[in-house]
Amino acid sequence: MLDDILKKADALVHGDRNESYGHPFDDYERVSKIFNAITGQHLDASDCALLMIAVKLARIGKHHEKNTIHVDSLVDLAGYAWVYAQVLDVMKADYA
């Protein structure tokens, strides 16, 4: 199951979505600007990627309570972890 989850996450992060939305840093930089405009907060792209991880963890937790596995949420969680790492790579390069 783990190999399937990681393969699907890889396909999502590096496939059509990457082509549609651009590099994850650029995508989540746009998300952070919208979030900040709505809330008056100051989150950066990595914070927004972490928020998506939190959403997936909450959904996985709900299935855990029912003693079920929601594979799509696990795929998404792996994908968002990958996105988070890509965002951090860009931020690290920009701040170096």
C-alpha atoms as a PDB file:
ATOM      1  CA  MET A   1       0.000   0.000   0.000  1.00  0.00           C
ATOM      2  CA  LEU A   2       2.825   2.443   0.850  1.00  0.00           C
ATOM      3  CA  ASP A   3       4.421   2.166  -2.594  1.00  0.00           C
ATOM      4  CA  ASP A   4       1.058   2.860  -4.237  1.00  0.00           C
ATOM      5  CA  ILE A   5       0.466   5.886  -2.010  1.00  0.00           C
ATOM      6  CA  LEU A   6       3.883   7.362  -2.780  1.00  0.00           C
ATOM      7  CA  LYS A   7       3.591   6.678  -6.514  1.00  0.00           C
ATOM      8  CA  LYS A   8       0.192   8.369  -6.633  1.00  0.00           C
ATOM      9  CA  ALA A   9       1.490  11.336  -4.611  1.00  0.00           C
ATOM     10  CA  ASP A  10       4.453  11.669  -6.962  1.00  0.00           C
ATOM     11  CA  ALA A  11       2.146  11.657  -9.972  1.00  0.00           C
ATOM     12  CA  LEU A  12      -0.037  14.359  -8.416  1.00  0.00           C
ATOM     13  CA  VAL A  13       2.809  16.642  -7.392  1.00  0.00           C
ATOM     14  CA  HIS A  14       4.841  16.263 -10.566  1.00  0.00           C
ATOM     15  CA  GLY A  15       2.073  15.657 -13.093  1.00  0.00           C
ATOM     16  CA  ASP A  16      -0.960  17.582 -14.271  1.00  0.00           C
ATOM     17  CA  ARG A  17      -1.296  19.717 -11.143  1.00  0.00           C
ATOM     18  CA  ASN A  18       2.266  20.921 -11.444  1.00  0.00           C
ATOM     19  CA  GLU A  19       1.601  21.800 -15.068  1.00  0.00           C
ATOM     20  CA  SER A  20      -1.685  23.520 -14.190  1.00  0.00           C
ATOM     21  CA  TYR A  21      -0.559  25.512 -11.151  1.00  0.00           C
ATOM     22  CA  GLY A  22       3.187  25.873 -11.614  1.00  0.00           C
ATOM     23  CA  HIS A  23       5.856  25.183  -9.042  1.00  0.00           C
ATOM     24  CA  PRO A  24       4.416  24.614  -5.566  1.00  0.00           C
ATOM     25  CA  PHE A  25       6.228  27.668  -4.196  1.00  0.00           C
ATOM     26  CA  ASP A  26       4.507  29.929  -6.741  1.00  0.00           C
ATOM     27  CA  ASP A  27       1.142  28.277  -6.113  1.00  0.00           C
ATOM     28  CA  TYR A  28       1.361  28.560  -2.322  1.00  0.00           C
ATOM     29  CA  GLU A  29       2.756  32.062  -2.504  1.00  0.00           C
ATOM     30  CA  ARG A  30      -0.495  33.005  -4.277  1.00  0.00           C
ATOM     31  CA  VAL A  31      -2.483  31.118  -1.630  1.00  0.00           C
ATOM     32  CA  SER A  32      -0.675  32.963   1.172  1.00  0.00           C
ATOM     33  CA  LYS A  33      -1.425  36.360  -0.375  1.00  0.00           C
ATOM     34  CA  ILE A  34      -5.119  35.526  -0.622  1.00  0.00           C
ATOM     35  CA  PHE A  35      -5.223  34.095   2.919  1.00  0.00           C
ATOM     36  CA  ASN A  36      -3.421  37.141   4.296  1.00  0.00           C
ATOM     37  CA  ALA A  37      -5.774  39.519   2.510  1.00  0.00           C
ATOM     38  CA  ILE A  38      -8.799  37.712   3.928  1.00  0.00           C
ATOM     39  CA  THR A  39      -7.543  37.280   7.489  1.00  0.00           C
ATOM     40  CA  GLY A  40      -5.081  40.126   8.017  1.00  0.00           C
ATOM     41  CA  GLN A  41      -2.531  37.534   9.113  1.00  0.00           C
ATOM     42  CA  HIS A  42       0.931  37.080   7.681  1.00  0.00           C
ATOM     43  CA  LEU A  43       1.526  33.521   6.536  1.00  0.00           C
ATOM     44  CA  ASP A  44       4.083  32.560   3.946  1.00  0.00           C
ATOM     45  CA  ALA A  45       3.952  29.808   1.337  1.00  0.00           C
ATOM     46  CA  SER A  46       5.340  27.190   3.737  1.00  0.00           C
ATOM     47  CA  ASP A  47       2.712  28.047   6.355  1.00  0.00           C
ATOM     48  CA  CYS A  48      -0.027  27.502   3.788  1.00  0.00           C
ATOM     49  CA  ALA A  49       1.429  24.133   2.783  1.00  0.00           C
ATOM     50  CA  LEU A  50       1.424  23.186   6.477  1.00  0.00           C
ATOM     51  CA  LEU A  51      -2.230  24.199   6.698  1.00  0.00           C
ATOM     52  CA  MET A  52      -3.041  21.752   3.919  1.00  0.00           C
ATOM     53  CA  ILE A  53      -1.150  19.041   5.820  1.00  0.00           C
ATOM     54  CA  ALA A  54      -3.244  19.919   8.880  1.00  0.00           C
ATOM     55  CA  VAL A  55      -6.455  19.546   6.850  1.00  0.00           C
ATOM     56  CA  LYS A  56      -5.381  16.101   5.692  1.00  0.00           C
ATOM     57  CA  LEU A  57      -4.360  15.041   9.213  1.00  0.00           C
ATOM     58  CA  ALA A  58      -7.766  16.110  10.510  1.00  0.00           C
ATOM     59  CA  ARG A  59      -9.496  14.036   7.846  1.00  0.00           C
ATOM     60  CA  ILE A  60      -7.249  11.047   8.474  1.00  0.00           C
ATOM     61  CA  GLY A  61      -7.997  11.421  12.192  1.00  0.00           C
ATOM     62  CA  LYS A  62     -11.712  11.228  11.502  1.00  0.00           C
ATOM     63  CA  HIS A  63     -11.199   7.935   9.669  1.00  0.00           C
ATOM     64  CA  HIS A  64      -8.928   6.724  12.466  1.00  0.00           C
ATOM     65  CA  GLU A  65     -11.803   7.231  14.918  1.00  0.00           C
ATOM     66  CA  LYS A  66     -13.904   4.936  12.728  1.00  0.00           C
ATOM     67  CA  ASN A  67     -11.015   2.440  12.397  1.00  0.00           C
ATOM     68  CA  THR A  68     -10.993   2.940   8.623  1.00  0.00           C
ATOM     69  CA  ILE A  69      -8.325   3.954   6.143  1.00  0.00           C
ATOM     70  CA  HIS A  70      -8.986   6.661   3.566  1.00  0.00           C
ATOM     71  CA  VAL A  71      -6.248   6.059   1.022  1.00  0.00           C
ATOM     72  CA  ASP A  72      -6.953   9.262  -0.924  1.00  0.00           C
ATOM     73  CA  SER A  73      -6.228  11.331   2.189  1.00  0.00           C
ATOM     74  CA  LEU A  74      -2.976   9.441   2.726  1.00  0.00           C
ATOM     75  CA  VAL A  75      -2.003  10.119  -0.897  1.00  0.00           C
ATOM     76  CA  ASP A  76      -2.824  13.801  -0.441  1.00  0.00           C
ATOM     77  CA  LEU A  77      -0.870  13.946   2.837  1.00  0.00           C
ATOM     78  CA  ALA A  78       2.213  12.500   1.147  1.00  0.00           C
ATOM     79  CA  GLY A  79       1.755  14.935  -1.721  1.00  0.00           C
ATOM     80  CA  TYR A  80       1.451  17.943   0.574  1.00  0.00           C
ATOM     81  CA  ALA A  81       4.568  16.847   2.470  1.00  0.00           C
ATOM     82  CA  TRP A  82       6.365  16.810  -0.867  1.00  0.00           C
ATOM     83  CA  VAL A  83       4.942  20.232  -1.725  1.00  0.00           C
ATOM     84  CA  TYR A  84       6.060  21.569   1.663  1.00  0.00           C
ATOM     85  CA  ALA A  85       9.599  20.316   1.029  1.00  0.00           C
ATOM     86  CA  GLN A  86       9.666  21.939  -2.417  1.00  0.00           C
ATOM     87  CA  VAL A  87       8.451  25.242  -0.983  1.00  0.00           C
ATOM     88  CA  LEU A  88      11.135  25.117   1.713  1.00  0.00           C
ATOM     89  CA  ASP A  89      13.807  24.427  -0.904  1.00  0.00           C
ATOM     90  CA  VAL A  90      12.879  27.627  -2.763  1.00  0.00           C
ATOM     91  CA  MET A  91      12.620  29.674   0.418  1.00  0.00           C
ATOM     92  CA  LYS A  92      15.986  28.402   1.631  1.00  0.00           C
ATOM     93  CA  ALA A  93      17.580  29.329  -1.709  1.00  0.00           C
ATOM     94  CA  ASP A  94      15.945  32.778  -1.636  1.00  0.00           C
ATOM     95  CA  TYR A  95      17.151  33.505   1.901  1.00  0.00           C
ATOM     96  CA  ALA A  96      20.655  32.084   1.467  1.00  0.00           C
END
